[in-house]
């Protein structure tokens, strides 16, 4: 007599991977949604502050120089290692789309100007020394990328590291007139 064996077939490897990838994607988007839960829907909150170069700067004024275009508002901090890793991505996106950067809790204009010079960055940067601008956007951390459509409505928010192609796709989509 031969011993009985358990011959239940295993699902194909690709099916297990597809399920695992699906779970990962679902968890990723659930975390993104949870992190962005306090971001206001509708019009992007305007703000007025000083820029790193010392001049007065407001979102409304800056957007008026980019009429008819979707724009990005990138929140970063000099002490944030992920923000440092994202610098090249932001530089690349800025070559194709207008991006206003906001230095959150990174000191005053002189300190931020020094950081930008040290890192070789030629960014238009609003100063958010106390985090109030980020707070009006419901942001609790950096990096964060807010996409504003040509009508001034918030269309997308990304928190944490984001790919350049993903930012470009969302900026392009925000600029499409439906």
N, C-alpha and C. Protein backbone atom coordinates (compact mmCIF):
# COMPACT_ATOMS: atom_id res chain seq x y z
N UNK A 1 0.82 -1.16 0.00
CA UNK A 1 0.00 0.00 0.00
C UNK A 1 0.88 1.25 0.00
N UNK A 2 0.48 2.27 -0.77
CA UNK A 2 1.26 3.50 -0.83
C UNK A 2 0.70 4.50 0.17
N UNK A 3 1.59 5.29 0.78
CA UNK A 3 1.10 6.28 1.75
C UNK A 3 0.30 7.38 1.04
N UNK A 4 -0.71 7.89 1.73
CA UNK A 4 -1.54 8.97 1.17
C UNK A 4 -0.76 10.28 1.23
N UNK A 5 -0.84 11.06 0.17
CA UNK A 5 -0.16 12.36 0.14
C UNK A 5 -1.19 13.46 -0.09
N UNK A 6 -0.87 14.59 0.43
CA UNK A 6 -1.76 15.75 0.23
C UNK A 6 -1.38 16.40 -1.09
N UNK A 7 -2.21 16.26 -2.07
CA UNK A 7 -1.93 16.71 -3.43
C UNK A 7 -2.67 18.01 -3.78
N UNK A 8 -2.98 18.84 -2.78
CA UNK A 8 -3.66 20.09 -3.13
C UNK A 8 -2.70 20.98 -3.91
N UNK A 9 -3.13 21.39 -5.09
CA UNK A 9 -2.23 22.20 -5.92
C UNK A 9 -2.08 23.61 -5.35
N UNK A 10 -0.86 24.14 -5.44
CA UNK A 10 -0.61 25.52 -5.04
C UNK A 10 -1.03 26.43 -6.18
N UNK A 11 -1.51 27.62 -5.84
CA UNK A 11 -1.85 28.55 -6.93
C UNK A 11 -0.56 28.96 -7.65
N UNK A 12 -0.67 29.31 -8.91
CA UNK A 12 0.52 29.71 -9.66
C UNK A 12 1.21 30.90 -8.97
N UNK A 13 2.52 30.94 -9.11
CA UNK A 13 3.31 31.99 -8.48
C UNK A 13 2.84 33.38 -8.91
N UNK A 14 2.53 33.58 -10.18
CA UNK A 14 2.12 34.90 -10.67
C UNK A 14 0.84 35.36 -9.99
N UNK A 15 -0.05 34.41 -9.67
CA UNK A 15 -1.30 34.77 -9.00
C UNK A 15 -1.03 35.23 -7.57
N UNK A 16 -0.14 34.54 -6.88
CA UNK A 16 0.22 34.97 -5.52
C UNK A 16 0.86 36.35 -5.55
N UNK A 17 1.75 36.59 -6.52
CA UNK A 17 2.39 37.90 -6.65
C UNK A 17 1.35 38.97 -6.96
N UNK A 18 0.42 38.66 -7.84
CA UNK A 18 -0.62 39.64 -8.19
C UNK A 18 -1.44 40.01 -6.96
N UNK A 19 -1.78 39.02 -6.14
CA UNK A 19 -2.54 39.28 -4.92
C UNK A 19 -1.70 40.14 -3.97
N UNK A 20 -0.42 39.80 -3.79
CA UNK A 20 0.44 40.57 -2.89
C UNK A 20 0.63 42.00 -3.38
N UNK A 21 0.82 42.17 -4.68
CA UNK A 21 0.97 43.52 -5.24
C UNK A 21 -0.33 44.29 -5.07
N UNK A 22 -1.46 43.64 -5.31
CA UNK A 22 -2.76 44.29 -5.12
C UNK A 22 -2.96 44.75 -3.69
N UNK A 23 -2.58 43.92 -2.74
CA UNK A 23 -2.70 44.29 -1.33
C UNK A 23 -1.79 45.47 -1.02
N UNK A 24 -0.55 45.43 -1.51
CA UNK A 24 0.39 46.53 -1.29
C UNK A 24 -0.16 47.84 -1.85
N UNK A 25 -0.66 47.82 -3.08
CA UNK A 25 -1.20 49.03 -3.71
C UNK A 25 -2.39 49.56 -2.92
N UNK A 26 -3.28 48.67 -2.49
CA UNK A 26 -4.45 49.09 -1.71
C UNK A 26 -4.02 49.73 -0.39
N UNK A 27 -3.06 49.12 0.30
CA UNK A 27 -2.56 49.68 1.56
C UNK A 27 -1.89 51.02 1.31
N UNK A 28 -1.08 51.12 0.25
CA UNK A 28 -0.39 52.36 -0.08
C UNK A 28 -1.40 53.50 -0.27
N UNK A 29 -2.42 53.27 -1.09
CA UNK A 29 -3.41 54.31 -1.35
C UNK A 29 -4.26 54.61 -0.11
N UNK A 30 -4.51 53.63 0.71
CA UNK A 30 -5.25 53.87 1.96
C UNK A 30 -4.44 54.77 2.89
N UNK A 31 -3.14 54.52 2.98
CA UNK A 31 -2.27 55.36 3.81
C UNK A 31 -2.21 56.78 3.25
N UNK A 32 -2.07 56.91 1.92
CA UNK A 32 -2.06 58.24 1.29
C UNK A 32 -3.35 59.00 1.61
N UNK A 33 -4.48 58.32 1.49
CA UNK A 33 -5.77 58.97 1.77
C UNK A 33 -5.87 59.37 3.24
N UNK A 34 -5.40 58.52 4.14
CA UNK A 34 -5.44 58.84 5.55
C UNK A 34 -4.54 60.03 5.86
N UNK A 35 -3.35 60.07 5.27
CA UNK A 35 -2.42 61.18 5.52
C UNK A 35 -2.95 62.50 4.97
N UNK A 36 -3.74 62.44 3.91
CA UNK A 36 -4.26 63.66 3.28
C UNK A 36 -5.68 63.99 3.76
N UNK A 37 -6.12 63.37 4.83
CA UNK A 37 -7.50 63.53 5.27
C UNK A 37 -7.85 64.96 5.67
N UNK A 38 -6.88 65.76 6.08
CA UNK A 38 -7.16 67.13 6.51
C UNK A 38 -6.93 68.16 5.42
N UNK A 39 -6.54 67.72 4.24
CA UNK A 39 -6.31 68.66 3.13
C UNK A 39 -7.66 69.16 2.65
N UNK A 40 -7.81 70.49 2.57
CA UNK A 40 -9.11 71.02 2.16
C UNK A 40 -9.43 70.69 0.71
N UNK A 41 -10.69 70.45 0.44
CA UNK A 41 -11.14 70.27 -0.94
C UNK A 41 -11.50 71.64 -1.47
N UNK A 42 -11.43 71.80 -2.76
CA UNK A 42 -11.81 73.07 -3.36
C UNK A 42 -10.64 73.98 -3.60
N UNK A 43 -10.84 75.30 -3.42
CA UNK A 43 -9.79 76.26 -3.76
C UNK A 43 -8.55 76.09 -2.88
N UNK A 44 -7.39 76.26 -3.50
CA UNK A 44 -6.13 76.22 -2.75
C UNK A 44 -6.08 77.45 -1.85
N UNK A 45 -5.83 77.28 -0.56
CA UNK A 45 -5.75 78.44 0.33
C UNK A 45 -4.62 79.38 -0.10
N UNK A 46 -4.95 80.66 -0.23
CA UNK A 46 -3.92 81.64 -0.57
C UNK A 46 -3.07 81.90 0.67
N UNK A 47 -1.86 82.33 0.45
CA UNK A 47 -1.00 82.73 1.55
C UNK A 47 -0.09 83.85 1.08
N UNK A 48 0.32 84.66 2.02
CA UNK A 48 1.28 85.74 1.75
C UNK A 48 2.40 85.60 2.75
N UNK A 49 3.62 85.64 2.26
CA UNK A 49 4.79 85.47 3.11
C UNK A 49 5.97 86.16 2.43
N UNK A 50 7.13 85.89 2.92
CA UNK A 50 8.35 86.39 2.30
C UNK A 50 9.00 85.24 1.55
N UNK A 51 9.66 85.55 0.46
CA UNK A 51 10.39 84.54 -0.31
C UNK A 51 11.81 84.45 0.22
N UNK A 52 12.52 83.41 -0.17
CA UNK A 52 13.90 83.22 0.26
C UNK A 52 14.79 84.38 -0.18
N UNK A 53 14.43 85.03 -1.28
CA UNK A 53 15.23 86.17 -1.74
C UNK A 53 14.84 87.47 -1.06
N UNK A 54 13.90 87.42 -0.10
CA UNK A 54 13.54 88.58 0.70
C UNK A 54 12.35 89.37 0.21
N UNK A 55 11.87 89.10 -0.98
CA UNK A 55 10.72 89.86 -1.49
C UNK A 55 9.41 89.26 -0.98
N UNK A 56 8.36 90.07 -1.03
CA UNK A 56 7.03 89.60 -0.64
C UNK A 56 6.52 88.62 -1.70
N UNK A 57 5.80 87.61 -1.26
CA UNK A 57 5.32 86.57 -2.17
C UNK A 57 3.97 86.06 -1.69
N UNK A 58 3.03 85.93 -2.61
CA UNK A 58 1.75 85.30 -2.28
C UNK A 58 1.46 84.25 -3.35
N UNK A 59 0.68 83.26 -2.98
CA UNK A 59 0.32 82.22 -3.95
C UNK A 59 -0.47 82.83 -5.10
N UNK A 60 -1.40 83.73 -4.78
CA UNK A 60 -2.23 84.34 -5.83
C UNK A 60 -1.37 85.10 -6.83
N UNK A 61 -0.41 85.88 -6.32
CA UNK A 61 0.49 86.64 -7.20
C UNK A 61 1.32 85.68 -8.06
N UNK A 62 1.85 84.65 -7.44
CA UNK A 62 2.70 83.71 -8.18
C UNK A 62 1.88 82.97 -9.24
N UNK A 63 0.67 82.54 -8.89
CA UNK A 63 -0.19 81.86 -9.86
C UNK A 63 -0.57 82.77 -11.01
N UNK A 64 -0.70 84.08 -10.76
CA UNK A 64 -1.07 85.01 -11.83
C UNK A 64 0.00 85.07 -12.91
N UNK A 65 1.22 84.71 -12.57
CA UNK A 65 2.29 84.65 -13.57
C UNK A 65 2.22 83.36 -14.39
N UNK A 66 1.33 82.45 -14.01
CA UNK A 66 1.20 81.15 -14.68
C UNK A 66 -0.26 80.87 -15.03
N UNK A 67 -0.95 81.91 -15.51
CA UNK A 67 -2.37 81.76 -15.84
C UNK A 67 -2.60 80.66 -16.87
N UNK A 68 -3.67 79.91 -16.67
CA UNK A 68 -4.03 78.85 -17.60
C UNK A 68 -3.22 77.58 -17.44
N UNK A 69 -2.38 77.51 -16.41
CA UNK A 69 -1.53 76.33 -16.21
C UNK A 69 -1.83 75.69 -14.85
N UNK A 70 -1.71 74.38 -14.82
CA UNK A 70 -1.70 73.69 -13.53
C UNK A 70 -0.34 73.96 -12.90
N UNK A 71 -0.31 74.13 -11.59
CA UNK A 71 0.93 74.42 -10.90
C UNK A 71 1.11 73.46 -9.72
N UNK A 72 2.34 73.31 -9.30
CA UNK A 72 2.65 72.51 -8.13
C UNK A 72 3.10 73.39 -6.99
N UNK A 73 2.72 73.03 -5.78
CA UNK A 73 3.22 73.69 -4.57
C UNK A 73 3.89 72.59 -3.76
N UNK A 74 5.22 72.69 -3.65
CA UNK A 74 6.01 71.63 -3.03
C UNK A 74 6.47 72.08 -1.64
N UNK A 75 6.01 71.38 -0.60
CA UNK A 75 6.40 71.66 0.77
C UNK A 75 7.59 70.77 1.13
N UNK A 76 8.65 71.37 1.65
CA UNK A 76 9.87 70.64 2.00
C UNK A 76 10.49 71.28 3.25
N UNK A 77 11.51 70.63 3.78
CA UNK A 77 12.24 71.18 4.93
C UNK A 77 13.72 70.84 4.78
N UNK A 78 14.57 71.73 5.26
CA UNK A 78 16.01 71.50 5.10
C UNK A 78 16.50 70.33 5.94
N UNK A 79 15.78 69.97 6.98
CA UNK A 79 16.18 68.88 7.87
C UNK A 79 15.60 67.52 7.44
N UNK A 80 14.88 67.50 6.33
CA UNK A 80 14.18 66.29 5.87
C UNK A 80 15.02 65.51 4.86
N UNK A 81 15.48 64.30 5.21
CA UNK A 81 16.31 63.54 4.27
C UNK A 81 15.55 63.09 3.01
N UNK A 82 14.26 62.82 3.12
CA UNK A 82 13.48 62.43 1.94
C UNK A 82 13.36 63.62 0.99
N UNK A 83 13.21 64.82 1.57
CA UNK A 83 13.15 66.04 0.74
C UNK A 83 14.45 66.21 -0.03
N UNK A 84 15.58 65.94 0.62
CA UNK A 84 16.87 66.04 -0.05
C UNK A 84 16.95 65.03 -1.19
N UNK A 85 16.47 63.82 -0.96
CA UNK A 85 16.46 62.79 -2.01
C UNK A 85 15.54 63.18 -3.16
N UNK A 86 14.52 63.96 -2.89
CA UNK A 86 13.52 64.35 -3.90
C UNK A 86 13.95 65.57 -4.72
N UNK A 87 15.03 66.25 -4.33
CA UNK A 87 15.44 67.49 -5.00
C UNK A 87 15.58 67.33 -6.51
N UNK A 88 16.22 66.28 -6.97
CA UNK A 88 16.41 66.08 -8.40
C UNK A 88 15.09 65.90 -9.13
N UNK A 89 14.16 65.22 -8.49
CA UNK A 89 12.83 65.03 -9.08
C UNK A 89 12.13 66.37 -9.25
N UNK A 90 12.19 67.20 -8.22
CA UNK A 90 11.53 68.51 -8.28
C UNK A 90 12.20 69.37 -9.34
N UNK A 91 13.52 69.34 -9.41
CA UNK A 91 14.24 70.09 -10.46
C UNK A 91 13.75 69.67 -11.84
N UNK A 92 13.62 68.38 -12.07
CA UNK A 92 13.16 67.88 -13.36
C UNK A 92 11.74 68.30 -13.68
N UNK A 93 10.86 68.23 -12.69
CA UNK A 93 9.46 68.63 -12.90
C UNK A 93 9.39 70.12 -13.19
N UNK A 94 10.22 70.93 -12.50
CA UNK A 94 10.22 72.37 -12.72
C UNK A 94 10.63 72.75 -14.14
N UNK A 95 11.33 71.88 -14.82
CA UNK A 95 11.71 72.15 -16.21
C UNK A 95 10.49 72.11 -17.12
N UNK A 96 9.43 71.40 -16.69
CA UNK A 96 8.23 71.23 -17.52
C UNK A 96 7.00 71.96 -16.99
N UNK A 97 6.92 72.19 -15.70
CA UNK A 97 5.73 72.78 -15.08
C UNK A 97 6.16 73.80 -14.01
N UNK A 98 5.31 74.82 -13.76
CA UNK A 98 5.63 75.76 -12.69
C UNK A 98 5.46 75.09 -11.32
N UNK A 99 6.48 75.24 -10.48
CA UNK A 99 6.44 74.68 -9.13
C UNK A 99 6.92 75.76 -8.16
N UNK A 100 6.08 76.09 -7.19
CA UNK A 100 6.45 76.98 -6.10
C UNK A 100 6.82 76.10 -4.93
N UNK A 101 7.99 76.32 -4.35
CA UNK A 101 8.38 75.51 -3.20
C UNK A 101 8.14 76.31 -1.92
N UNK A 102 7.83 75.59 -0.87
CA UNK A 102 7.57 76.20 0.44
C UNK A 102 8.48 75.51 1.45
N UNK A 103 9.41 76.28 2.03
CA UNK A 103 10.33 75.75 3.03
C UNK A 103 9.65 75.81 4.39
N UNK A 104 9.26 74.65 4.89
CA UNK A 104 8.50 74.56 6.13
C UNK A 104 9.44 74.33 7.31
N UNK A 105 9.31 75.15 8.33
CA UNK A 105 10.07 75.02 9.58
C UNK A 105 11.56 74.84 9.31
N UNK A 106 12.08 75.69 8.44
CA UNK A 106 13.50 75.61 8.07
C UNK A 106 14.24 76.91 8.35
N UNK A 107 13.66 77.78 9.16
CA UNK A 107 14.29 79.05 9.49
C UNK A 107 13.73 80.18 8.64
N UNK A 108 14.34 81.34 8.78
CA UNK A 108 13.91 82.52 8.05
C UNK A 108 14.46 82.55 6.64
N UNK A 109 14.22 83.67 5.96
CA UNK A 109 14.61 83.82 4.56
C UNK A 109 16.12 83.64 4.36
N UNK A 110 16.93 84.23 5.24
CA UNK A 110 18.38 84.14 5.09
C UNK A 110 18.86 82.69 5.22
N UNK A 111 18.31 81.97 6.19
CA UNK A 111 18.71 80.57 6.40
C UNK A 111 18.32 79.71 5.20
N UNK A 112 17.11 79.90 4.69
CA UNK A 112 16.65 79.11 3.55
C UNK A 112 17.43 79.47 2.29
N UNK A 113 17.70 80.77 2.10
CA UNK A 113 18.50 81.20 0.95
C UNK A 113 19.87 80.54 0.98
N UNK A 114 20.46 80.44 2.16
CA UNK A 114 21.76 79.78 2.32
C UNK A 114 21.68 78.30 1.97
N UNK A 115 20.62 77.62 2.42
CA UNK A 115 20.44 76.20 2.11
C UNK A 115 20.28 76.00 0.60
N UNK A 116 19.47 76.85 -0.03
CA UNK A 116 19.27 76.74 -1.48
C UNK A 116 20.59 76.93 -2.22
N UNK A 117 21.38 77.93 -1.81
CA UNK A 117 22.67 78.19 -2.46
C UNK A 117 23.63 77.02 -2.24
N UNK A 118 23.66 76.52 -1.02
CA UNK A 118 24.53 75.39 -0.67
C UNK A 118 24.21 74.15 -1.51
N UNK A 119 22.93 73.95 -1.80
CA UNK A 119 22.50 72.77 -2.57
C UNK A 119 22.42 73.05 -4.07
N UNK A 120 22.72 74.28 -4.48
CA UNK A 120 22.70 74.62 -5.89
C UNK A 120 21.30 74.64 -6.49
N UNK A 121 20.32 75.05 -5.70
CA UNK A 121 18.92 75.05 -6.15
C UNK A 121 18.47 76.47 -6.47
N UNK A 122 17.89 76.64 -7.64
CA UNK A 122 17.36 77.93 -8.07
C UNK A 122 15.83 77.86 -8.03
N UNK A 123 15.29 77.79 -6.83
CA UNK A 123 13.86 77.62 -6.64
C UNK A 123 13.24 78.91 -6.15
N UNK A 124 12.03 79.22 -6.62
CA UNK A 124 11.23 80.26 -5.99
C UNK A 124 10.65 79.61 -4.74
N UNK A 125 11.06 80.13 -3.58
CA UNK A 125 10.71 79.46 -2.32
C UNK A 125 10.05 80.41 -1.35
N UNK A 126 8.86 80.05 -0.92
CA UNK A 126 8.14 80.78 0.12
C UNK A 126 8.61 80.27 1.48
N UNK A 127 8.68 81.17 2.44
CA UNK A 127 9.14 80.80 3.78
C UNK A 127 7.94 80.53 4.69
N UNK A 128 7.93 79.36 5.29
CA UNK A 128 6.89 78.95 6.24
C UNK A 128 7.60 78.55 7.53
N UNK A 129 8.21 79.53 8.18
CA UNK A 129 9.08 79.26 9.33
C UNK A 129 8.36 78.56 10.47
N UNK A 130 7.09 78.87 10.68
CA UNK A 130 6.38 78.28 11.81
C UNK A 130 5.39 77.19 11.41
N UNK A 131 5.31 76.85 10.14
CA UNK A 131 4.44 75.77 9.68
C UNK A 131 2.99 76.16 9.49
N UNK A 132 2.67 77.44 9.56
CA UNK A 132 1.26 77.86 9.44
C UNK A 132 0.70 77.65 8.04
N UNK A 133 1.52 77.88 7.02
CA UNK A 133 1.03 77.68 5.65
C UNK A 133 0.70 76.20 5.45
N UNK A 134 1.61 75.33 5.86
CA UNK A 134 1.36 73.89 5.74
C UNK A 134 0.10 73.50 6.51
N UNK A 135 -0.09 74.13 7.65
CA UNK A 135 -1.27 73.83 8.48
C UNK A 135 -2.56 74.21 7.75
N UNK A 136 -2.56 75.34 7.01
CA UNK A 136 -3.77 75.72 6.28
C UNK A 136 -4.08 74.72 5.17
N UNK A 137 -3.07 73.99 4.73
CA UNK A 137 -3.27 72.95 3.72
C UNK A 137 -3.55 71.59 4.35
N UNK A 138 -3.56 71.51 5.67
CA UNK A 138 -3.83 70.25 6.34
C UNK A 138 -2.66 69.29 6.29
N UNK A 139 -1.46 69.81 6.06
CA UNK A 139 -0.28 68.96 5.94
C UNK A 139 0.40 68.84 7.30
N UNK A 140 0.81 67.62 7.61
CA UNK A 140 1.45 67.37 8.90
C UNK A 140 2.91 66.97 8.76
N UNK A 141 3.38 66.85 7.54
CA UNK A 141 4.76 66.44 7.33
C UNK A 141 5.23 66.80 5.94
N UNK A 142 6.48 66.56 5.71
CA UNK A 142 7.10 66.83 4.41
C UNK A 142 7.86 65.58 3.98
N UNK A 143 8.09 65.44 2.70
CA UNK A 143 7.68 66.29 1.60
C UNK A 143 6.20 66.10 1.25
N UNK A 144 5.63 67.15 0.71
CA UNK A 144 4.24 67.11 0.24
C UNK A 144 4.16 67.92 -1.04
N UNK A 145 3.40 67.43 -2.00
CA UNK A 145 3.26 68.10 -3.29
C UNK A 145 1.78 68.29 -3.56
N UNK A 146 1.36 69.55 -3.64
CA UNK A 146 -0.04 69.89 -3.88
C UNK A 146 -0.17 70.37 -5.32
N UNK A 147 -1.09 69.80 -6.05
CA UNK A 147 -1.31 70.19 -7.45
C UNK A 147 -2.59 71.02 -7.51
N UNK A 148 -2.43 72.21 -8.11
CA UNK A 148 -3.53 73.17 -8.22
C UNK A 148 -3.83 73.35 -9.70
N UNK A 149 -5.10 73.18 -10.07
CA UNK A 149 -5.48 73.30 -11.48
C UNK A 149 -5.54 74.78 -11.90
N UNK A 150 -5.71 75.05 -13.19
CA UNK A 150 -5.74 76.45 -13.66
C UNK A 150 -6.83 77.31 -13.01
N UNK A 151 -7.89 76.69 -12.51
CA UNK A 151 -8.96 77.44 -11.85
C UNK A 151 -8.68 77.68 -10.37
N UNK A 152 -7.54 77.19 -9.87
CA UNK A 152 -7.18 77.39 -8.47
C UNK A 152 -7.67 76.33 -7.51
N UNK A 153 -8.19 75.23 -8.04
CA UNK A 153 -8.72 74.14 -7.21
C UNK A 153 -7.63 73.11 -6.92
N UNK A 154 -7.60 72.59 -5.70
CA UNK A 154 -6.67 71.51 -5.37
C UNK A 154 -7.15 70.26 -6.08
N UNK A 155 -6.27 69.68 -6.89
CA UNK A 155 -6.64 68.48 -7.66
C UNK A 155 -5.99 67.22 -7.13
N UNK A 156 -4.83 67.39 -6.48
CA UNK A 156 -4.11 66.20 -6.03
C UNK A 156 -3.14 66.59 -4.92
N UNK A 157 -2.91 65.66 -4.00
CA UNK A 157 -1.92 65.85 -2.95
C UNK A 157 -1.12 64.57 -2.82
N UNK A 158 0.20 64.71 -2.83
CA UNK A 158 1.09 63.56 -2.63
C UNK A 158 1.91 63.81 -1.38
N UNK A 159 1.99 62.83 -0.52
CA UNK A 159 2.78 62.95 0.70
C UNK A 159 3.88 61.89 0.68
N UNK A 160 5.07 62.29 1.07
CA UNK A 160 6.20 61.38 1.02
C UNK A 160 6.86 61.43 -0.35
N UNK A 161 7.77 60.51 -0.58
CA UNK A 161 8.50 60.49 -1.84
C UNK A 161 7.55 60.20 -3.00
N UNK A 162 7.71 60.95 -4.08
CA UNK A 162 6.87 60.81 -5.26
C UNK A 162 7.75 60.81 -6.49
N UNK A 163 7.41 60.01 -7.47
CA UNK A 163 8.21 59.95 -8.69
C UNK A 163 7.93 61.15 -9.59
N UNK A 164 8.92 61.48 -10.40
CA UNK A 164 8.77 62.58 -11.35
C UNK A 164 7.68 62.32 -12.37
N UNK A 165 7.62 61.08 -12.89
CA UNK A 165 6.59 60.80 -13.90
C UNK A 165 5.21 60.87 -13.28
N UNK A 166 5.08 60.48 -12.01
CA UNK A 166 3.79 60.57 -11.34
C UNK A 166 3.35 62.02 -11.16
N UNK A 167 4.30 62.89 -10.77
CA UNK A 167 3.98 64.31 -10.62
C UNK A 167 3.62 64.93 -11.96
N UNK A 168 4.41 64.61 -12.99
CA UNK A 168 4.12 65.16 -14.33
C UNK A 168 2.74 64.71 -14.82
N UNK A 169 2.41 63.45 -14.60
CA UNK A 169 1.10 62.94 -15.04
C UNK A 169 -0.03 63.67 -14.33
N UNK A 170 0.11 63.87 -13.02
CA UNK A 170 -0.94 64.57 -12.27
C UNK A 170 -1.03 66.04 -12.66
N UNK A 171 0.12 66.68 -12.90
CA UNK A 171 0.10 68.08 -13.36
C UNK A 171 -0.55 68.18 -14.74
N UNK A 172 -0.20 67.26 -15.62
CA UNK A 172 -0.80 67.26 -16.96
C UNK A 172 -2.32 67.08 -16.84
N UNK A 173 -2.75 66.09 -16.05
CA UNK A 173 -4.17 65.81 -15.92
C UNK A 173 -4.91 67.00 -15.30
N UNK A 174 -4.29 67.67 -14.34
CA UNK A 174 -4.93 68.84 -13.71
C UNK A 174 -5.10 69.97 -14.71
N UNK A 175 -4.25 70.02 -15.73
CA UNK A 175 -4.34 71.07 -16.73
C UNK A 175 -5.27 70.77 -17.88
N UNK A 176 -5.78 69.53 -17.94
CA UNK A 176 -6.69 69.15 -19.02
C UNK A 176 -8.05 69.79 -18.77
N UNK A 177 -8.56 70.49 -19.76
CA UNK A 177 -9.86 71.14 -19.64
C UNK A 177 -10.94 70.15 -20.05
N UNK A 178 -11.70 69.69 -19.06
CA UNK A 178 -12.73 68.67 -19.32
C UNK A 178 -14.07 69.33 -19.54
